[in-house]
């Protein structure tokens, strides 16, 4: 069977959770790094009428994702997935070779543009993601498309009390699924949408996310419902765990998916704003009264008559120094 990228989970390398972003960007100089491992049960089952072949019964993968804040409106990131182990059923009766048990996934390079931000007193956070998937993975492990993958996605989020709701929608241009009906074009469009709501706070936080994908080469959508929790270990380090069912027979939609991982994020403190002009320094002599110039003739001023008492003070006889004897 020709190889293609089976994975449908989009890992978020920046702010928010590893499953869903929230429209916020890292501040300039901020760094976010996360590693997640997840297990999928029955992500690929081939059906032909009543016949059923479990192409992949179990799959374990690991994803390393990181992001860096460049400017207040620009953030760059990268995603590197690896298939650690996978195993399928017996495919000899349909003449298919089993997929490789290990292999490198499709690396993704991403740029996140901030359009609106609540830190700038906007009502919501709005970001636009532009990403490209490189065709350097392992086709034998069903972890690589025949060509490049391009994705554009918009994410909007806000805070309502102790809840943080988020909505996102985007399109993915990828190679056509070789299991689908042949078509004239080798490329196809896939619309991906999601909604999540998370609690806010410093302690244990919960989150519920719904992910959906509608592809032009698939007859039915792919839907996954995931519930998770986040446990902070420090201001920068956090543990998280997710799990939930998948609905639909589209390749890459497991019956059950379980995720566990750790994330690290550090951001510099906000810089103090600088005034466009320096504060003027006042000089003391500018506030002193003007000095009085002496008369030109050199005479010193004397008090006028109005400053002297109007009447002389009455004189009183001085007392004698000694008392006189009375006459005999």
C-alpha atoms as a PDB file:
ATOM      1  CA  UNK A   1       0.000   0.000   0.000  1.00  0.00           C
ATOM      2  CA  UNK A   2       1.423   3.454  -0.821  1.00  0.00           C
ATOM      3  CA  UNK A   3       2.447   5.527   2.162  1.00  0.00           C
ATOM      4  CA  UNK A   4       0.624   8.607   3.441  1.00  0.00           C
ATOM      5  CA  UNK A   5       0.374  10.672   6.632  1.00  0.00           C
ATOM      6  CA  UNK A   6      -2.092   8.901   8.893  1.00  0.00           C
ATOM      7  CA  UNK A   7      -1.932  11.220  11.928  1.00  0.00           C
ATOM      8  CA  UNK A   8      -4.794  13.726  12.264  1.00  0.00           C
ATOM      9  CA  UNK A   9      -4.018  15.209  15.687  1.00  0.00           C
ATOM     10  CA  UNK A  10      -2.647  18.748  15.451  1.00  0.00           C
ATOM     11  CA  UNK A  11      -0.312  19.511  18.346  1.00  0.00           C
ATOM     12  CA  UNK A  12      -0.176  23.108  19.558  1.00  0.00           C
ATOM     13  CA  UNK A  13       3.411  24.276  20.238  1.00  0.00           C
ATOM     14  CA  UNK A  14       2.577  27.603  21.921  1.00  0.00           C
ATOM     15  CA  UNK A  15       0.217  29.006  24.531  1.00  0.00           C
ATOM     16  CA  UNK A  16      -2.864  27.052  25.470  1.00  0.00           C
ATOM     17  CA  UNK A  17      -2.821  23.265  25.683  1.00  0.00           C
ATOM     18  CA  UNK A  18      -1.002  20.726  23.529  1.00  0.00           C
ATOM     19  CA  UNK A  19      -4.332  19.850  21.890  1.00  0.00           C
ATOM     20  CA  UNK A  20      -5.765  23.316  21.301  1.00  0.00           C
ATOM     21  CA  UNK A  21      -4.395  26.854  21.192  1.00  0.00           C
ATOM     22  CA  UNK A  22      -6.227  29.813  22.710  1.00  0.00           C
ATOM     23  CA  UNK A  23      -5.311  32.672  20.362  1.00  0.00           C
ATOM     24  CA  UNK A  24      -2.566  34.075  22.608  1.00  0.00           C
ATOM     25  CA  UNK A  25       1.062  34.590  21.598  1.00  0.00           C
ATOM     26  CA  UNK A  26       4.225  34.308  23.641  1.00  0.00           C
ATOM     27  CA  UNK A  27       5.769  37.623  24.608  1.00  0.00           C
ATOM     28  CA  UNK A  28       9.024  38.472  22.785  1.00  0.00           C
ATOM     29  CA  UNK A  29      11.765  36.263  24.196  1.00  0.00           C
ATOM     30  CA  UNK A  30       9.335  33.691  25.592  1.00  0.00           C
ATOM     31  CA  UNK A  31       9.967  29.973  25.034  1.00  0.00           C
ATOM     32  CA  UNK A  32       7.511  27.066  25.166  1.00  0.00           C
ATOM     33  CA  UNK A  33       8.599  23.412  24.851  1.00  0.00           C
ATOM     34  CA  UNK A  34       6.449  20.324  25.240  1.00  0.00           C
ATOM     35  CA  UNK A  35       6.646  16.564  24.777  1.00  0.00           C
ATOM     36  CA  UNK A  36       3.591  14.367  24.472  1.00  0.00           C
ATOM     37  CA  UNK A  37       3.230  10.651  24.033  1.00  0.00           C
ATOM     38  CA  UNK A  38      -0.042   9.160  22.873  1.00  0.00           C
ATOM     39  CA  UNK A  39      -1.537   5.789  22.167  1.00  0.00           C
ATOM     40  CA  UNK A  40      -4.160   5.049  19.502  1.00  0.00           C
ATOM     41  CA  UNK A  41      -6.329   1.968  19.240  1.00  0.00           C
ATOM     42  CA  UNK A  42      -7.454   0.921  15.754  1.00  0.00           C
ATOM     43  CA  UNK A  43      -6.474   4.086  13.870  1.00  0.00           C
ATOM     44  CA  UNK A  44      -6.688   2.320  10.474  1.00  0.00           C
ATOM     45  CA  UNK A  45      -9.241  -0.345   9.590  1.00  0.00           C
ATOM     46  CA  UNK A  46      -9.907  -1.377   5.985  1.00  0.00           C
ATOM     47  CA  UNK A  47     -13.471  -2.425   5.105  1.00  0.00           C
ATOM     48  CA  UNK A  48     -14.871  -3.972   1.974  1.00  0.00           C
ATOM     49  CA  UNK A  49     -18.487  -4.827   2.535  1.00  0.00           C
ATOM     50  CA  UNK A  50     -18.571  -7.285   5.422  1.00  0.00           C
ATOM     51  CA  UNK A  51     -14.834  -7.930   5.223  1.00  0.00           C
ATOM     52  CA  UNK A  52     -12.657  -6.095   7.745  1.00  0.00           C
ATOM     53  CA  UNK A  53      -8.868  -5.852   7.950  1.00  0.00           C
ATOM     54  CA  UNK A  54      -7.122  -4.183  10.884  1.00  0.00           C
ATOM     55  CA  UNK A  55      -4.261  -2.475   9.080  1.00  0.00           C
ATOM     56  CA  UNK A  56      -3.094  -0.864  12.361  1.00  0.00           C
ATOM     57  CA  UNK A  57      -4.395  -2.192  15.635  1.00  0.00           C
ATOM     58  CA  UNK A  58      -2.154  -0.259  18.042  1.00  0.00           C
ATOM     59  CA  UNK A  59       0.061   2.774  17.561  1.00  0.00           C
ATOM     60  CA  UNK A  60       2.291   4.627  20.028  1.00  0.00           C
ATOM     61  CA  UNK A  61       3.835   7.962  19.053  1.00  0.00           C
ATOM     62  CA  UNK A  62       5.786  10.820  20.597  1.00  0.00           C
ATOM     63  CA  UNK A  63       5.724  14.469  19.568  1.00  0.00           C
ATOM     64  CA  UNK A  64       8.240  17.168  20.454  1.00  0.00           C
ATOM     65  CA  UNK A  65       6.964  20.719  19.929  1.00  0.00           C
ATOM     66  CA  UNK A  66       8.483  24.112  20.639  1.00  0.00           C
ATOM     67  CA  UNK A  67       7.716  27.767  20.044  1.00  0.00           C
ATOM     68  CA  UNK A  68       9.547  31.084  20.444  1.00  0.00           C
ATOM     69  CA  UNK A  69       8.187  34.639  20.682  1.00  0.00           C
ATOM     70  CA  UNK A  70       9.982  36.887  18.190  1.00  0.00           C
ATOM     71  CA  UNK A  71       7.842  40.044  18.149  1.00  0.00           C
ATOM     72  CA  UNK A  72       4.654  41.086  19.940  1.00  0.00           C
ATOM     73  CA  UNK A  73       2.749  39.961  16.826  1.00  0.00           C
ATOM     74  CA  UNK A  74       4.981  37.077  15.626  1.00  0.00           C
ATOM     75  CA  UNK A  75       5.728  33.635  17.050  1.00  0.00           C
ATOM     76  CA  UNK A  76       7.569  30.784  15.316  1.00  0.00           C
ATOM     77  CA  UNK A  77       7.397  27.097  16.164  1.00  0.00           C
ATOM     78  CA  UNK A  78       8.268  23.577  15.066  1.00  0.00           C
ATOM     79  CA  UNK A  79       6.731  20.121  15.557  1.00  0.00           C
ATOM     80  CA  UNK A  80       8.614  16.821  15.253  1.00  0.00           C
ATOM     81  CA  UNK A  81       6.550  13.576  15.529  1.00  0.00           C
ATOM     82  CA  UNK A  82       8.016  10.067  15.794  1.00  0.00           C
ATOM     83  CA  UNK A  83       6.240   6.714  15.541  1.00  0.00           C
ATOM     84  CA  UNK A  84       7.667   4.656  18.405  1.00  0.00           C
ATOM     85  CA  UNK A  85       5.808   1.406  17.851  1.00  0.00           C
ATOM     86  CA  UNK A  86       2.834   0.149  15.879  1.00  0.00           C
ATOM     87  CA  UNK A  87       1.367  -3.225  14.983  1.00  0.00           C
ATOM     88  CA  UNK A  88      -1.503  -4.431  12.851  1.00  0.00           C
ATOM     89  CA  UNK A  89      -3.385  -7.614  12.198  1.00  0.00           C
ATOM     90  CA  UNK A  90      -2.747 -10.328   9.641  1.00  0.00           C
ATOM     91  CA  UNK A  91      -3.091  -8.839   6.160  1.00  0.00           C
ATOM     92  CA  UNK A  92      -1.972 -11.874   4.149  1.00  0.00           C
ATOM     93  CA  UNK A  93      -5.489 -12.668   2.964  1.00  0.00           C
ATOM     94  CA  UNK A  94      -5.740  -9.249   1.255  1.00  0.00           C
ATOM     95  CA  UNK A  95      -2.201  -9.270  -0.130  1.00  0.00           C
ATOM     96  CA  UNK A  96      -0.952  -6.177   1.787  1.00  0.00           C
ATOM     97  CA  UNK A  97       2.399  -5.797   3.459  1.00  0.00           C
ATOM     98  CA  UNK A  98       2.307  -4.678   7.131  1.00  0.00           C
ATOM     99  CA  UNK A  99       3.417  -1.138   7.918  1.00  0.00           C
ATOM    100  CA  UNK A 100       6.840  -0.517   9.442  1.00  0.00           C
ATOM    101  CA  UNK A 101       6.858  -0.617  13.231  1.00  0.00           C
ATOM    102  CA  UNK A 102       8.856   2.627  13.638  1.00  0.00           C
ATOM    103  CA  UNK A 103       9.586   5.745  11.670  1.00  0.00           C
ATOM    104  CA  UNK A 104       9.880   9.515  11.575  1.00  0.00           C
ATOM    105  CA  UNK A 105       6.711  11.543  11.147  1.00  0.00           C
ATOM    106  CA  UNK A 106       6.098  14.704   9.126  1.00  0.00           C
ATOM    107  CA  UNK A 107       8.020  17.677  10.598  1.00  0.00           C
ATOM    108  CA  UNK A 108       6.040  20.919  10.656  1.00  0.00           C
ATOM    109  CA  UNK A 109       7.307  24.517  10.637  1.00  0.00           C
ATOM    110  CA  UNK A 110       4.826  27.148  11.814  1.00  0.00           C
ATOM    111  CA  UNK A 111       4.461  30.913  12.079  1.00  0.00           C
ATOM    112  CA  UNK A 112       1.769  32.398  14.328  1.00  0.00           C
ATOM    113  CA  UNK A 113       0.583  35.948  13.658  1.00  0.00           C
ATOM    114  CA  UNK A 114      -1.224  37.881  16.377  1.00  0.00           C
ATOM    115  CA  UNK A 115      -4.130  39.953  15.066  1.00  0.00           C
ATOM    116  CA  UNK A 116      -5.881  40.878  18.323  1.00  0.00           C
ATOM    117  CA  UNK A 117      -4.743  40.528  21.935  1.00  0.00           C
ATOM    118  CA  UNK A 118      -6.501  41.059  25.251  1.00  0.00           C
ATOM    119  CA  UNK A 119      -3.227  42.333  26.705  1.00  0.00           C
ATOM    120  CA  UNK A 120      -3.640  45.270  24.288  1.00  0.00           C
ATOM    121  CA  UNK A 121      -7.181  45.886  25.616  1.00  0.00           C
ATOM    122  CA  UNK A 122      -8.938  44.038  22.778  1.00  0.00           C
ATOM    123  CA  UNK A 123     -12.036  41.989  23.667  1.00  0.00           C
ATOM    124  CA  UNK A 124     -10.579  38.677  22.372  1.00  0.00           C
ATOM    125  CA  UNK A 125      -7.322  36.997  21.385  1.00  0.00           C
ATOM    126  CA  UNK A 126      -7.122  36.269  17.661  1.00  0.00           C
ATOM    127  CA  UNK A 127      -4.210  34.532  15.940  1.00  0.00           C
ATOM    128  CA  UNK A 128      -3.517  33.170  12.467  1.00  0.00           C
ATOM    129  CA  UNK A 129      -1.315  30.080  12.002  1.00  0.00           C
ATOM    130  CA  UNK A 130       0.549  29.394   8.759  1.00  0.00           C
ATOM    131  CA  UNK A 131       2.290  25.996   8.699  1.00  0.00           C
ATOM    132  CA  UNK A 132       4.102  23.747   6.239  1.00  0.00           C
ATOM    133  CA  UNK A 133       4.681  19.993   6.590  1.00  0.00           C
ATOM    134  CA  UNK A 134       7.896  18.664   5.077  1.00  0.00           C
ATOM    135  CA  UNK A 135       7.767  15.324   3.184  1.00  0.00           C
ATOM    136  CA  UNK A 136      10.767  13.805   4.961  1.00  0.00           C
ATOM    137  CA  UNK A 137       9.036  11.240   7.164  1.00  0.00           C
ATOM    138  CA  UNK A 138       8.754   7.477   6.796  1.00  0.00           C
ATOM    139  CA  UNK A 139       6.283   6.391   4.148  1.00  0.00           C
ATOM    140  CA  UNK A 140       6.605   2.750   5.244  1.00  0.00           C
ATOM    141  CA  UNK A 141       5.341   3.725   8.704  1.00  0.00           C
ATOM    142  CA  UNK A 142       2.370   5.670   7.262  1.00  0.00           C
ATOM    143  CA  UNK A 143       3.883   8.924   8.523  1.00  0.00           C
ATOM    144  CA  UNK A 144       4.570  10.856   5.324  1.00  0.00           C
ATOM    145  CA  UNK A 145       2.614  12.298   2.393  1.00  0.00           C
ATOM    146  CA  UNK A 146       3.833  12.199  -1.172  1.00  0.00           C
ATOM    147  CA  UNK A 147       4.223  15.999  -1.228  1.00  0.00           C
ATOM    148  CA  UNK A 148       4.215  19.108   0.942  1.00  0.00           C
ATOM    149  CA  UNK A 149       1.401  19.915   3.360  1.00  0.00           C
ATOM    150  CA  UNK A 150       0.171  23.489   3.881  1.00  0.00           C
ATOM    151  CA  UNK A 151      -2.159  24.626   6.631  1.00  0.00           C
ATOM    152  CA  UNK A 152      -3.822  27.911   7.548  1.00  0.00           C
ATOM    153  CA  UNK A 153      -5.848  28.208  10.761  1.00  0.00           C
ATOM    154  CA  UNK A 154      -7.472  31.030  12.730  1.00  0.00           C
ATOM    155  CA  UNK A 155      -7.967  30.748  16.501  1.00  0.00           C
ATOM    156  CA  UNK A 156     -10.035  33.052  18.708  1.00  0.00           C
ATOM    157  CA  UNK A 157     -10.346  32.871  22.480  1.00  0.00           C
ATOM    158  CA  UNK A 158     -11.375  34.912  25.491  1.00  0.00           C
ATOM    159  CA  UNK A 159     -12.018  34.548  29.227  1.00  0.00           C
ATOM    160  CA  UNK A 160     -15.506  34.465  30.743  1.00  0.00           C
ATOM    161  CA  UNK A 161     -15.188  34.332  34.495  1.00  0.00           C
ATOM    162  CA  UNK A 162     -13.431  31.089  35.410  1.00  0.00           C
ATOM    163  CA  UNK A 163     -13.832  29.625  31.891  1.00  0.00           C
ATOM    164  CA  UNK A 164     -11.688  30.123  28.787  1.00  0.00           C
ATOM    165  CA  UNK A 165     -13.579  29.147  25.580  1.00  0.00           C
ATOM    166  CA  UNK A 166     -11.748  28.820  22.256  1.00  0.00           C
ATOM    167  CA  UNK A 167     -12.809  28.303  18.637  1.00  0.00           C
ATOM    168  CA  UNK A 168     -10.575  27.516  15.657  1.00  0.00           C
ATOM    169  CA  UNK A 169     -11.083  26.768  11.971  1.00  0.00           C
ATOM    170  CA  UNK A 170      -8.695  26.195   9.092  1.00  0.00           C
ATOM    171  CA  UNK A 171      -7.906  24.386   5.866  1.00  0.00           C
ATOM    172  CA  UNK A 172      -5.240  21.809   5.081  1.00  0.00           C
ATOM    173  CA  UNK A 173      -3.864  21.217   1.583  1.00  0.00           C
ATOM    174  CA  UNK A 174      -2.350  17.746   1.387  1.00  0.00           C
ATOM    175  CA  UNK A 175      -1.781  14.824  -0.944  1.00  0.00           C
ATOM    176  CA  UNK A 176      -4.823  12.783  -1.807  1.00  0.00           C
ATOM    177  CA  UNK A 177      -5.484   9.699   0.312  1.00  0.00           C
ATOM    178  CA  UNK A 178      -4.406   6.660  -1.742  1.00  0.00           C
ATOM    179  CA  UNK A 179      -7.229   4.641  -0.169  1.00  0.00           C
ATOM    180  CA  UNK A 180      -9.849   7.033  -1.559  1.00  0.00           C
ATOM    181  CA  UNK A 181     -11.473   6.947  -4.966  1.00  0.00           C
ATOM    182  CA  UNK A 182      -9.024   8.007  -7.701  1.00  0.00           C
ATOM    183  CA  UNK A 183      -9.422  11.568  -8.954  1.00  0.00           C
ATOM    184  CA  UNK A 184      -7.880  13.865 -11.528  1.00  0.00           C
ATOM    185  CA  UNK A 185      -5.955  15.904  -8.946  1.00  0.00           C
ATOM    186  CA  UNK A 186      -3.303  14.537  -6.581  1.00  0.00           C
ATOM    187  CA  UNK A 187      -4.063  17.259  -4.022  1.00  0.00           C
ATOM    188  CA  UNK A 188      -7.116  17.662  -1.826  1.00  0.00           C
ATOM    189  CA  UNK A 189      -8.487  20.144   0.698  1.00  0.00           C
ATOM    190  CA  UNK A 190      -9.444  19.258   4.234  1.00  0.00           C
ATOM    191  CA  UNK A 191     -11.392  21.557   6.537  1.00  0.00           C
ATOM    192  CA  UNK A 192     -10.524  21.250  10.212  1.00  0.00           C
ATOM    193  CA  UNK A 193     -12.522  22.806  13.039  1.00  0.00           C
ATOM    194  CA  UNK A 194     -12.375  22.665  16.801  1.00  0.00           C
ATOM    195  CA  UNK A 195     -13.862  24.018  20.000  1.00  0.00           C
ATOM    196  CA  UNK A 196     -12.617  23.785  23.556  1.00  0.00           C
ATOM    197  CA  UNK A 197     -13.360  25.171  26.985  1.00  0.00           C
ATOM    198  CA  UNK A 198     -10.878  25.197  29.866  1.00  0.00           C
ATOM    199  CA  UNK A 199     -10.931  26.324  33.452  1.00  0.00           C
ATOM    200  CA  UNK A 200      -8.493  28.969  34.650  1.00  0.00           C
ATOM    201  CA  UNK A 201      -6.578  29.186  37.894  1.00  0.00           C
ATOM    202  CA  UNK A 202      -3.272  28.355  39.523  1.00  0.00           C
ATOM    203  CA  UNK A 203      -4.074  24.788  40.569  1.00  0.00           C
ATOM    204  CA  UNK A 204      -5.463  21.779  38.747  1.00  0.00           C
ATOM    205  CA  UNK A 205      -7.304  22.808  35.579  1.00  0.00           C
ATOM    206  CA  UNK A 206      -9.665  20.851  33.351  1.00  0.00           C
ATOM    207  CA  UNK A 207     -10.365  21.115  29.635  1.00  0.00           C
ATOM    208  CA  UNK A 208     -12.789  19.622  27.122  1.00  0.00           C
ATOM    209  CA  UNK A 209     -12.069  19.712  23.370  1.00  0.00           C
ATOM    210  CA  UNK A 210     -13.974  18.643  20.264  1.00  0.00           C
ATOM    211  CA  UNK A 211     -12.002  18.194  17.014  1.00  0.00           C
ATOM    212  CA  UNK A 212     -13.456  17.585  13.562  1.00  0.00           C
ATOM    213  CA  UNK A 213     -12.070  17.160  10.043  1.00  0.00           C
ATOM    214  CA  UNK A 214     -13.989  17.174   6.757  1.00  0.00           C
ATOM    215  CA  UNK A 215     -11.941  16.008   3.767  1.00  0.00           C
ATOM    216  CA  UNK A 216     -12.889  16.124   0.118  1.00  0.00           C
ATOM    217  CA  UNK A 217     -11.581  12.581  -0.459  1.00  0.00           C
ATOM    218  CA  UNK A 218     -13.545  11.054   2.424  1.00  0.00           C
ATOM    219  CA  UNK A 219     -17.245  10.231   2.575  1.00  0.00           C
ATOM    220  CA  UNK A 220     -17.631  10.938   6.289  1.00  0.00           C
ATOM    221  CA  UNK A 221     -15.995  13.330   8.754  1.00  0.00           C
ATOM    222  CA  UNK A 222     -13.471  12.480  11.427  1.00  0.00           C
ATOM    223  CA  UNK A 223     -14.495  13.560  14.938  1.00  0.00           C
ATOM    224  CA  UNK A 224     -12.701  13.192  18.276  1.00  0.00           C
ATOM    225  CA  UNK A 225     -13.855  14.185  21.748  1.00  0.00           C
ATOM    226  CA  UNK A 226     -11.031  14.652  24.265  1.00  0.00           C
ATOM    227  CA  UNK A 227     -11.102  15.526  27.960  1.00  0.00           C
ATOM    228  CA  UNK A 228      -7.978  16.390  29.918  1.00  0.00           C
ATOM    229  CA  UNK A 229      -6.421  17.937  32.974  1.00  0.00           C
ATOM    230  CA  UNK A 230      -3.366  20.115  33.658  1.00  0.00           C
ATOM    231  CA  UNK A 231      -1.360  19.951  36.889  1.00  0.00           C
ATOM    232  CA  UNK A 232       1.234  22.722  37.419  1.00  0.00           C
ATOM    233  CA  UNK A 233       4.415  21.611  39.156  1.00  0.00           C
ATOM    234  CA  UNK A 234       5.930  25.119  39.207  1.00  0.00           C
ATOM    235  CA  UNK A 235       5.488  28.428  37.462  1.00  0.00           C
ATOM    236  CA  UNK A 236       7.123  26.998  34.316  1.00  0.00           C
ATOM    237  CA  UNK A 237       6.569  23.215  34.435  1.00  0.00           C
ATOM    238  CA  UNK A 238       3.244  21.436  33.919  1.00  0.00           C
ATOM    239  CA  UNK A 239       1.953  17.879  33.539  1.00  0.00           C
ATOM    240  CA  UNK A 240      -1.112  17.035  31.457  1.00  0.00           C
ATOM    241  CA  UNK A 241      -3.171  14.017  30.428  1.00  0.00           C
ATOM    242  CA  UNK A 242      -5.918  13.605  27.813  1.00  0.00           C
ATOM    243  CA  UNK A 243      -8.196  10.866  26.613  1.00  0.00           C
ATOM    244  CA  UNK A 244     -11.334  10.268  24.608  1.00  0.00           C
ATOM    245  CA  UNK A 245     -13.108   8.420  21.811  1.00  0.00           C
ATOM    246  CA  UNK A 246     -13.076   8.915  18.057  1.00  0.00           C
ATOM    247  CA  UNK A 247     -16.042   8.690  15.690  1.00  0.00           C
ATOM    248  CA  UNK A 248     -15.957   7.747  12.015  1.00  0.00           C
ATOM    249  CA  UNK A 249     -14.154   5.318   9.762  1.00  0.00           C
ATOM    250  CA  UNK A 250     -11.822   7.875   8.169  1.00  0.00           C
ATOM    251  CA  UNK A 251      -8.172   6.717   8.203  1.00  0.00           C
ATOM    252  CA  UNK A 252      -6.392   8.200  11.201  1.00  0.00           C
ATOM    253  CA  UNK A 253      -9.478   8.273  13.453  1.00  0.00           C
ATOM    254  CA  UNK A 254      -8.823   5.892  16.371  1.00  0.00           C
ATOM    255  CA  UNK A 255     -11.515   4.359  18.483  1.00  0.00           C
ATOM    256  CA  UNK A 256      -9.680   5.563  21.607  1.00  0.00           C
ATOM    257  CA  UNK A 257      -6.788   8.005  22.023  1.00  0.00           C
ATOM    258  CA  UNK A 258      -4.813   8.589  25.231  1.00  0.00           C
ATOM    259  CA  UNK A 259      -2.200  11.334  25.662  1.00  0.00           C
ATOM    260  CA  UNK A 260       0.226  12.185  28.463  1.00  0.00           C
ATOM    261  CA  UNK A 261       3.058  14.690  28.519  1.00  0.00           C
ATOM    262  CA  UNK A 262       4.914  17.575  30.081  1.00  0.00           C
ATOM    263  CA  UNK A 263       5.319  21.188  28.989  1.00  0.00           C
ATOM    264  CA  UNK A 264       7.742  23.946  29.959  1.00  0.00           C
ATOM    265  CA  UNK A 265       7.130  27.644  29.330  1.00  0.00           C
ATOM    266  CA  UNK A 266       9.110  30.669  30.429  1.00  0.00           C
ATOM    267  CA  UNK A 267       8.561  34.297  29.487  1.00  0.00           C
ATOM    268  CA  UNK A 268      10.468  37.444  30.459  1.00  0.00           C
ATOM    269  CA  UNK A 269       8.661  39.978  32.629  1.00  0.00           C
ATOM    270  CA  UNK A 270       6.973  42.843  30.790  1.00  0.00           C
ATOM    271  CA  UNK A 271       9.276  45.726  30.017  1.00  0.00           C
ATOM    272  CA  UNK A 272       8.623  49.150  31.506  1.00  0.00           C
ATOM    273  CA  UNK A 273       7.403  51.638  28.968  1.00  0.00           C
ATOM    274  CA  UNK A 274       9.730  54.498  28.081  1.00  0.00           C
ATOM    275  CA  UNK A 275       8.486  58.032  27.549  1.00  0.00           C
ATOM    276  CA  UNK A 276       9.068  59.406  24.042  1.00  0.00           C
ATOM    277  CA  UNK A 277      10.769  62.527  25.519  1.00  0.00           C
ATOM    278  CA  UNK A 278      12.788  62.910  28.723  1.00  0.00           C
ATOM    279  CA  UNK A 279      11.164  64.620  31.676  1.00  0.00           C
ATOM    280  CA  UNK A 280      12.407  68.266  31.827  1.00  0.00           C
ATOM    281  CA  UNK A 281      14.523  69.229  34.846  1.00  0.00           C
ATOM    282  CA  UNK A 282      13.383  72.383  36.539  1.00  0.00           C
ATOM    283  CA  UNK A 283      16.027  74.857  37.719  1.00  0.00           C
ATOM    284  CA  UNK A 284      15.690  76.684  40.994  1.00  0.00           C
ATOM    285  CA  UNK A 285      16.552  80.118  39.626  1.00  0.00           C
ATOM    286  CA  UNK A 286      13.614  80.001  37.283  1.00  0.00           C
ATOM    287  CA  UNK A 287      11.225  80.216  40.231  1.00  0.00           C
ATOM    288  CA  UNK A 288      13.034  82.832  42.344  1.00  0.00           C
ATOM    289  CA  UNK A 289      11.631  86.390  42.407  1.00  0.00           C
ATOM    290  CA  UNK A 290      13.664  88.961  40.483  1.00  0.00           C
ATOM    291  CA  UNK A 291      16.434  90.731  42.407  1.00  0.00           C
ATOM    292  CA  UNK A 292      15.932  94.378  43.354  1.00  0.00           C
ATOM    293  CA  UNK A 293      18.485  96.691  41.848  1.00  0.00           C
ATOM    294  CA  UNK A 294      20.031  99.400  44.143  1.00  0.00           C
ATOM    295  CA  UNK A 295      19.407 103.061  43.309  1.00  0.00           C
ATOM    296  CA  UNK A 296      21.645 104.621  40.733  1.00  0.00           C
ATOM    297  CA  UNK A 297      23.005 107.339  43.104  1.00  0.00           C
ATOM    298  CA  UNK A 298      24.344 104.731  45.464  1.00  0.00           C
ATOM    299  CA  UNK A 299      22.164 105.778  48.441  1.00  0.00           C
ATOM    300  CA  UNK A 300      20.728 103.017  50.497  1.00  0.00           C
ATOM    301  CA  UNK A 301      16.977 103.011  51.028  1.00  0.00           C
ATOM    302  CA  UNK A 302      15.774 104.287  54.422  1.00  0.00           C
ATOM    303  CA  UNK A 303      12.416 103.728  56.117  1.00  0.00           C
ATOM    304  CA  UNK A 304       9.844 106.357  55.250  1.00  0.00           C
ATOM    305  CA  UNK A 305       7.801 108.377  57.723  1.00  0.00           C
ATOM    306  CA  UNK A 306       4.873 106.047  57.408  1.00  0.00           C
ATOM    307  CA  UNK A 307       6.961 103.275  58.940  1.00  0.00           C
ATOM    308  CA  UNK A 308       7.781 105.348  62.078  1.00  0.00           C
ATOM    309  CA  UNK A 309       5.407 105.644  65.050  1.00  0.00           C
ATOM    310  CA  UNK A 310       2.916 108.511  64.567  1.00  0.00           C
ATOM    311  CA  UNK A 311       3.294 109.812  68.199  1.00  0.00           C
ATOM    312  CA  UNK A 312       6.260 109.672  70.572  1.00  0.00           C
ATOM    313  CA  UNK A 313       5.995 107.253  73.420  1.00  0.00           C
ATOM    314  CA  UNK A 314       5.246 108.895  76.849  1.00  0.00           C
ATOM    315  CA  UNK A 315       8.351 109.297  79.041  1.00  0.00           C
ATOM    316  CA  UNK A 316       8.221 107.986  82.591  1.00  0.00           C
ATOM    317  CA  UNK A 317      10.567 109.105  85.402  1.00  0.00           C
ATOM    318  CA  UNK A 318      13.242 106.665  86.164  1.00  0.00           C
ATOM    319  CA  UNK A 319      13.072 105.188  89.653  1.00  0.00           C
ATOM    320  CA  UNK A 320      15.781 106.331  92.073  1.00  0.00           C
ATOM    321  CA  UNK A 321      18.587 104.042  92.798  1.00  0.00           C
ATOM    322  CA  UNK A 322      18.051 104.315  96.629  1.00  0.00           C
ATOM    323  CA  UNK A 323      15.233 105.317  98.894  1.00  0.00           C
ATOM    324  CA  UNK A 324      15.507 108.688 100.779  1.00  0.00           C
ATOM    325  CA  UNK A 325      15.078 108.989 104.586  1.00  0.00           C
ATOM    326  CA  UNK A 326      12.053 110.892 105.734  1.00  0.00           C
ATOM    327  CA  UNK A 327      12.660 114.249 107.428  1.00  0.00           C
ATOM    328  CA  UNK A 328      12.688 114.177 111.142  1.00  0.00           C
END
